[in-house]
Amino acid sequence: SGGGSVQAGGSLRLSCASSGWRYISN
């Protein structure tokens, strides 16, 4: 989530929510 349309030079923060497993960042 977190996508969208922005002007050049702008910022966005994307998120990836996980479930159904034992999350491990690496």
PDB file of all heavy atoms in Angstrom:
ATOM      1  N   SER A   1       0.845  -1.181   0.000  1.00  0.00           N
ATOM      2  CA  SER A   1       0.000   0.000   0.000  1.00  0.00           C
ATOM      3  C   SER A   1       0.884   1.236   0.000  1.00  0.00           C
ATOM      4  O   SER A   1       2.086   1.146   0.227  1.00  0.00           O
ATOM      5  CB  SER A   1      -0.943   0.017   1.212  1.00  0.00           C
ATOM      6  OG  SER A   1      -0.217   0.060   2.427  1.00  0.00           O
ATOM      7  N   GLY A   2       0.287   2.370  -0.256  1.00  0.00           N
ATOM      8  CA  GLY A   2       1.003   3.629  -0.190  1.00  0.00           C
ATOM      9  C   GLY A   2       1.368   4.231  -1.527  1.00  0.00           C
ATOM     10  O   GLY A   2       1.893   5.349  -1.576  1.00  0.00           O
ATOM     11  N   GLY A   3       1.103   3.520  -2.608  1.00  0.00           N
ATOM     12  CA  GLY A   3       1.399   4.062  -3.915  1.00  0.00           C
ATOM     13  C   GLY A   3       0.442   5.178  -4.285  1.00  0.00           C
ATOM     14  O   GLY A   3      -0.539   5.438  -3.591  1.00  0.00           O
ATOM     15  N   GLY A   4       0.743   5.835  -5.380  1.00  0.00           N
ATOM     16  CA  GLY A   4      -0.087   6.923  -5.841  1.00  0.00           C
ATOM     17  C   GLY A   4       0.621   7.724  -6.897  1.00  0.00           C
ATOM     18  O   GLY A   4       1.658   7.311  -7.421  1.00  0.00           O
ATOM     19  N   SER A   5       0.061   8.868  -7.213  1.00  0.00           N
ATOM     20  CA  SER A   5       0.632   9.772  -8.206  1.00  0.00           C
ATOM     21  C   SER A   5       1.192  11.001  -7.522  1.00  0.00           C
ATOM     22  O   SER A   5       0.507  11.636  -6.711  1.00  0.00           O
ATOM     23  CB  SER A   5      -0.432  10.192  -9.217  1.00  0.00           C
ATOM     24  OG  SER A   5      -0.924   9.074  -9.932  1.00  0.00           O
ATOM     25  N   VAL A   6       2.431  11.315  -7.840  1.00  0.00           N
ATOM     26  CA  VAL A   6       3.090  12.474  -7.249  1.00  0.00           C
ATOM     27  C   VAL A   6       3.875  13.217  -8.313  1.00  0.00           C
ATOM     28  O   VAL A   6       4.220  12.666  -9.364  1.00  0.00           O
ATOM     29  CB  VAL A   6       4.039  12.082  -6.097  1.00  0.00           C
ATOM     30  CG1 VAL A   6       3.265  11.415  -4.965  1.00  0.00           C
ATOM     31  CG2 VAL A   6       5.145  11.165  -6.601  1.00  0.00           C
ATOM     32  N   GLN A   7       4.167  14.460  -8.021  1.00  0.00           N
ATOM     33  CA  GLN A   7       5.030  15.246  -8.885  1.00  0.00           C
ATOM     34  C   GLN A   7       6.483  14.889  -8.638  1.00  0.00           C
ATOM     35  O   GLN A   7       6.851  14.453  -7.546  1.00  0.00           O
ATOM     36  CB  GLN A   7       4.818  16.735  -8.634  1.00  0.00           C
ATOM     37  CG  GLN A   7       3.449  17.248  -9.029  1.00  0.00           C
ATOM     38  CD  GLN A   7       3.261  17.233 -10.530  1.00  0.00           C
ATOM     39  OE1 GLN A   7       4.101  17.721 -11.277  1.00  0.00           O
ATOM     40  NE2 GLN A   7       2.138  16.676 -10.980  1.00  0.00           N
ATOM     41  N   ALA A   8       7.298  15.055  -9.652  1.00  0.00           N
ATOM     42  CA  ALA A   8       8.730  14.840  -9.489  1.00  0.00           C
ATOM     43  C   ALA A   8       9.238  15.668  -8.319  1.00  0.00           C
ATOM     44  O   ALA A   8       8.855  16.824  -8.148  1.00  0.00           O
ATOM     45  CB  ALA A   8       9.465  15.204 -10.767  1.00  0.00           C
ATOM     46  N   GLY A   9      10.098  15.049  -7.530  1.00  0.00           N
ATOM     47  CA  GLY A   9      10.613  15.700  -6.339  1.00  0.00           C
ATOM     48  C   GLY A   9       9.825  15.383  -5.089  1.00  0.00           C
ATOM     49  O   GLY A   9      10.291  15.672  -3.975  1.00  0.00           O
ATOM     50  N   GLY A  10       8.678  14.771  -5.250  1.00  0.00           N
ATOM     51  CA  GLY A  10       7.844  14.432  -4.122  1.00  0.00           C
ATOM     52  C   GLY A  10       8.275  13.153  -3.439  1.00  0.00           C
ATOM     53  O   GLY A  10       9.261  12.523  -3.814  1.00  0.00           O
ATOM     54  N   SER A  11       7.493  12.763  -2.442  1.00  0.00           N
ATOM     55  CA  SER A  11       7.818  11.590  -1.642  1.00  0.00           C
ATOM     56  C   SER A  11       6.611  10.689  -1.469  1.00  0.00           C
ATOM     57  O   SER A  11       5.463  11.143  -1.495  1.00  0.00           O
ATOM     58  CB  SER A  11       8.313  12.007  -0.252  1.00  0.00           C
ATOM     59  OG  SER A  11       9.499  12.762  -0.322  1.00  0.00           O
ATOM     60  N   LEU A  12       6.888   9.423  -1.286  1.00  0.00           N
ATOM     61  CA  LEU A  12       5.879   8.433  -0.944  1.00  0.00           C
ATOM     62  C   LEU A  12       6.495   7.432   0.009  1.00  0.00           C
ATOM     63  O   LEU A  12       7.702   7.193  -0.031  1.00  0.00           O
ATOM     64  CB  LEU A  12       5.372   7.681  -2.181  1.00  0.00           C
ATOM     65  CG  LEU A  12       4.442   8.405  -3.141  1.00  0.00           C
ATOM     66  CD1 LEU A  12       4.225   7.530  -4.378  1.00  0.00           C
ATOM     67  CD2 LEU A  12       3.110   8.709  -2.478  1.00  0.00           C
ATOM     68  N   ARG A  13       5.654   6.851   0.832  1.00  0.00           N
ATOM     69  CA  ARG A  13       6.098   5.777   1.702  1.00  0.00           C
ATOM     70  C   ARG A  13       5.248   4.546   1.433  1.00  0.00           C
ATOM     71  O   ARG A  13       4.036   4.558   1.658  1.00  0.00           O
ATOM     72  CB  ARG A  13       5.989   6.163   3.174  1.00  0.00           C
ATOM     73  CG  ARG A  13       6.685   5.167   4.110  1.00  0.00           C
ATOM     74  CD  ARG A  13       6.362   5.448   5.560  1.00  0.00           C
ATOM     75  NE  ARG A  13       7.248   4.710   6.457  1.00  0.00           N
ATOM     76  CZ  ARG A  13       6.993   4.479   7.741  1.00  0.00           C
ATOM     77  NH1 ARG A  13       5.881   4.941   8.288  1.00  0.00           N
ATOM     78  NH2 ARG A  13       7.864   3.804   8.483  1.00  0.00           N
ATOM     79  N   LEU A  14       5.892   3.510   0.959  1.00  0.00           N
ATOM     80  CA  LEU A  14       5.208   2.262   0.683  1.00  0.00           C
ATOM     81  C   LEU A  14       5.282   1.344   1.892  1.00  0.00           C
ATOM     82  O   LEU A  14       6.274   1.332   2.613  1.00  0.00           O
ATOM     83  CB  LEU A  14       5.828   1.556  -0.519  1.00  0.00           C
ATOM     84  CG  LEU A  14       5.945   2.355  -1.814  1.00  0.00           C
ATOM     85  CD1 LEU A  14       6.493   1.465  -2.926  1.00  0.00           C
ATOM     86  CD2 LEU A  14       4.606   2.954  -2.213  1.00  0.00           C
ATOM     87  N   SER A  15       4.234   0.578   2.082  1.00  0.00           N
ATOM     88  CA  SER A  15       4.188  -0.397   3.155  1.00  0.00           C
ATOM     89  C   SER A  15       3.859  -1.764   2.587  1.00  0.00           C
ATOM     90  O   SER A  15       3.117  -1.881   1.610  1.00  0.00           O
ATOM     91  CB  SER A  15       3.127  -0.020   4.195  1.00  0.00           C
ATOM     92  OG  SER A  15       3.407   1.221   4.802  1.00  0.00           O
ATOM     93  N   CYS A  16       4.403  -2.771   3.197  1.00  0.00           N
ATOM     94  CA  CYS A  16       4.105  -4.148   2.836  1.00  0.00           C
ATOM     95  C   CYS A  16       3.750  -4.883   4.116  1.00  0.00           C
ATOM     96  O   CYS A  16       4.636  -5.202   4.922  1.00  0.00           O
ATOM     97  CB  CYS A  16       5.302  -4.799   2.150  1.00  0.00           C
ATOM     98  SG  CYS A  16       5.115  -6.575   1.862  1.00  0.00           S
ATOM     99  N   ALA A  17       2.477  -5.127   4.291  1.00  0.00           N
ATOM    100  CA  ALA A  17       2.005  -5.844   5.468  1.00  0.00           C
ATOM    101  C   ALA A  17       2.020  -7.333   5.187  1.00  0.00           C
ATOM    102  O   ALA A  17       1.513  -7.782   4.153  1.00  0.00           O
ATOM    103  CB  ALA A  17       0.598  -5.385   5.838  1.00  0.00           C
ATOM    104  N   SER A  18       2.586  -8.087   6.090  1.00  0.00           N
ATOM    105  CA  SER A  18       2.695  -9.523   5.894  1.00  0.00           C
ATOM    106  C   SER A  18       1.898 -10.289   6.940  1.00  0.00           C
ATOM    107  O   SER A  18       1.700  -9.830   8.064  1.00  0.00           O
ATOM    108  CB  SER A  18       4.159  -9.964   5.931  1.00  0.00           C
ATOM    109  OG  SER A  18       4.721  -9.724   7.209  1.00  0.00           O
ATOM    110  N   SER A  19       1.454 -11.458   6.544  1.00  0.00           N
ATOM    111  CA  SER A  19       0.711 -12.323   7.449  1.00  0.00           C
ATOM    112  C   SER A  19       0.826 -13.765   6.967  1.00  0.00           C
ATOM    113  O   SER A  19       1.255 -14.023   5.844  1.00  0.00           O
ATOM    114  CB  SER A  19      -0.757 -11.909   7.534  1.00  0.00           C
ATOM    115  OG  SER A  19      -1.394 -12.027   6.270  1.00  0.00           O
ATOM    116  N   GLY A  20       0.446 -14.686   7.816  1.00  0.00           N
ATOM    117  CA  GLY A  20       0.425 -16.085   7.434  1.00  0.00           C
ATOM    118  C   GLY A  20       1.764 -16.800   7.526  1.00  0.00           C
ATOM    119  O   GLY A  20       1.890 -17.932   7.065  1.00  0.00           O
ATOM    120  N   TRP A  21       2.717 -16.146   8.113  1.00  0.00           N
ATOM    121  CA  TRP A  21       4.034 -16.747   8.273  1.00  0.00           C
ATOM    122  C   TRP A  21       4.785 -16.054   9.388  1.00  0.00           C
ATOM    123  O   TRP A  21       4.356 -15.006   9.889  1.00  0.00           O
ATOM    124  CB  TRP A  21       4.835 -16.697   6.970  1.00  0.00           C
ATOM    125  CG  TRP A  21       5.232 -15.307   6.541  1.00  0.00           C
ATOM    126  CD1 TRP A  21       4.421 -14.222   6.373  1.00  0.00           C
ATOM    127  CD2 TRP A  21       6.560 -14.866   6.213  1.00  0.00           C
ATOM    128  NE1 TRP A  21       5.146 -13.138   5.961  1.00  0.00           N
ATOM    129  CE2 TRP A  21       6.459 -13.502   5.852  1.00  0.00           C
ATOM    130  CE3 TRP A  21       7.809 -15.483   6.196  1.00  0.00           C
ATOM    131  CZ2 TRP A  21       7.563 -12.742   5.468  1.00  0.00           C
ATOM    132  CZ3 TRP A  21       8.916 -14.731   5.811  1.00  0.00           C
ATOM    133  CH2 TRP A  21       8.786 -13.379   5.450  1.00  0.00           C
ATOM    134  N   ARG A  22       5.870 -16.636   9.760  1.00  0.00           N
ATOM    135  CA  ARG A  22       6.716 -16.020  10.770  1.00  0.00           C
ATOM    136  C   ARG A  22       7.638 -15.035  10.073  1.00  0.00           C
ATOM    137  O   ARG A  22       8.647 -15.394   9.471  1.00  0.00           O
ATOM    138  CB  ARG A  22       7.514 -17.085  11.523  1.00  0.00           C
ATOM    139  CG  ARG A  22       8.335 -16.542  12.680  1.00  0.00           C
ATOM    140  CD  ARG A  22       8.923 -17.668  13.513  1.00  0.00           C
ATOM    141  NE  ARG A  22       7.882 -18.427  14.176  1.00  0.00           N
ATOM    142  CZ  ARG A  22       8.097 -19.512  14.899  1.00  0.00           C
ATOM    143  NH1 ARG A  22       9.335 -19.973  15.038  1.00  0.00           N
ATOM    144  NH2 ARG A  22       7.088 -20.147  15.474  1.00  0.00           N
ATOM    145  N   TYR A  23       7.274 -13.791  10.156  1.00  0.00           N
ATOM    146  CA  TYR A  23       7.971 -12.735   9.446  1.00  0.00           C
ATOM    147  C   TYR A  23       9.429 -12.639   9.850  1.00  0.00           C
ATOM    148  O   TYR A  23       9.767 -12.657  11.032  1.00  0.00           O
ATOM    149  CB  TYR A  23       7.277 -11.397   9.701  1.00  0.00           C
ATOM    150  CG  TYR A  23       7.936 -10.209   9.057  1.00  0.00           C
ATOM    151  CD1 TYR A  23       7.617  -9.840   7.756  1.00  0.00           C
ATOM    152  CD2 TYR A  23       8.861  -9.453   9.756  1.00  0.00           C
ATOM    153  CE1 TYR A  23       8.212  -8.742   7.159  1.00  0.00           C
ATOM    154  CE2 TYR A  23       9.460  -8.352   9.164  1.00  0.00           C
ATOM    155  CZ  TYR A  23       9.134  -8.001   7.869  1.00  0.00           C
ATOM    156  OH  TYR A  23       9.718  -6.910   7.287  1.00  0.00           O
ATOM    157  N   ILE A  24      10.282 -12.528   8.847  1.00  0.00           N
ATOM    158  CA  ILE A  24      11.691 -12.270   9.093  1.00  0.00           C
ATOM    159  C   ILE A  24      12.168 -11.300   8.034  1.00  0.00           C
ATOM    160  O   ILE A  24      12.045 -11.546   6.829  1.00  0.00           O
ATOM    161  CB  ILE A  24      12.519 -13.568   9.089  1.00  0.00           C
ATOM    162  CG1 ILE A  24      13.993 -13.267   9.359  1.00  0.00           C
ATOM    163  CG2 ILE A  24      12.345 -14.355   7.796  1.00  0.00           C
ATOM    164  CD1 ILE A  24      14.257 -12.749  10.754  1.00  0.00           C
ATOM    165  N   SER A  25      12.702 -10.190   8.472  1.00  0.00           N
ATOM    166  CA  SER A  25      12.993  -9.095   7.564  1.00  0.00           C
ATOM    167  C   SER A  25      14.052  -9.435   6.522  1.00  0.00           C
ATOM    168  O   SER A  25      14.020  -8.888   5.416  1.00  0.00           O
ATOM    169  CB  SER A  25      13.408  -7.842   8.345  1.00  0.00           C
ATOM    170  OG  SER A  25      14.605  -8.054   9.063  1.00  0.00           O
ATOM    171  N   ASN A  26      14.980 -10.299   6.851  1.00  0.00           N
ATOM    172  CA  ASN A  26      16.043 -10.583   5.892  1.00  0.00           C
ATOM    173  C   ASN A  26      15.629 -11.531   4.777  1.00  0.00           C
ATOM    174  O   ASN A  26      16.459 -11.932   3.959  1.00  0.00           O
ATOM    175  CB  ASN A  26      17.319 -11.063   6.589  1.00  0.00           C
ATOM    176  CG  ASN A  26      17.154 -12.357   7.350  1.00  0.00           C
ATOM    177  OD1 ASN A  26      16.078 -12.939   7.385  1.00  0.00           O
ATOM    178  ND2 ASN A  26      18.236 -12.814   7.967  1.00  0.00           N
TER     179      ASN A  26
END
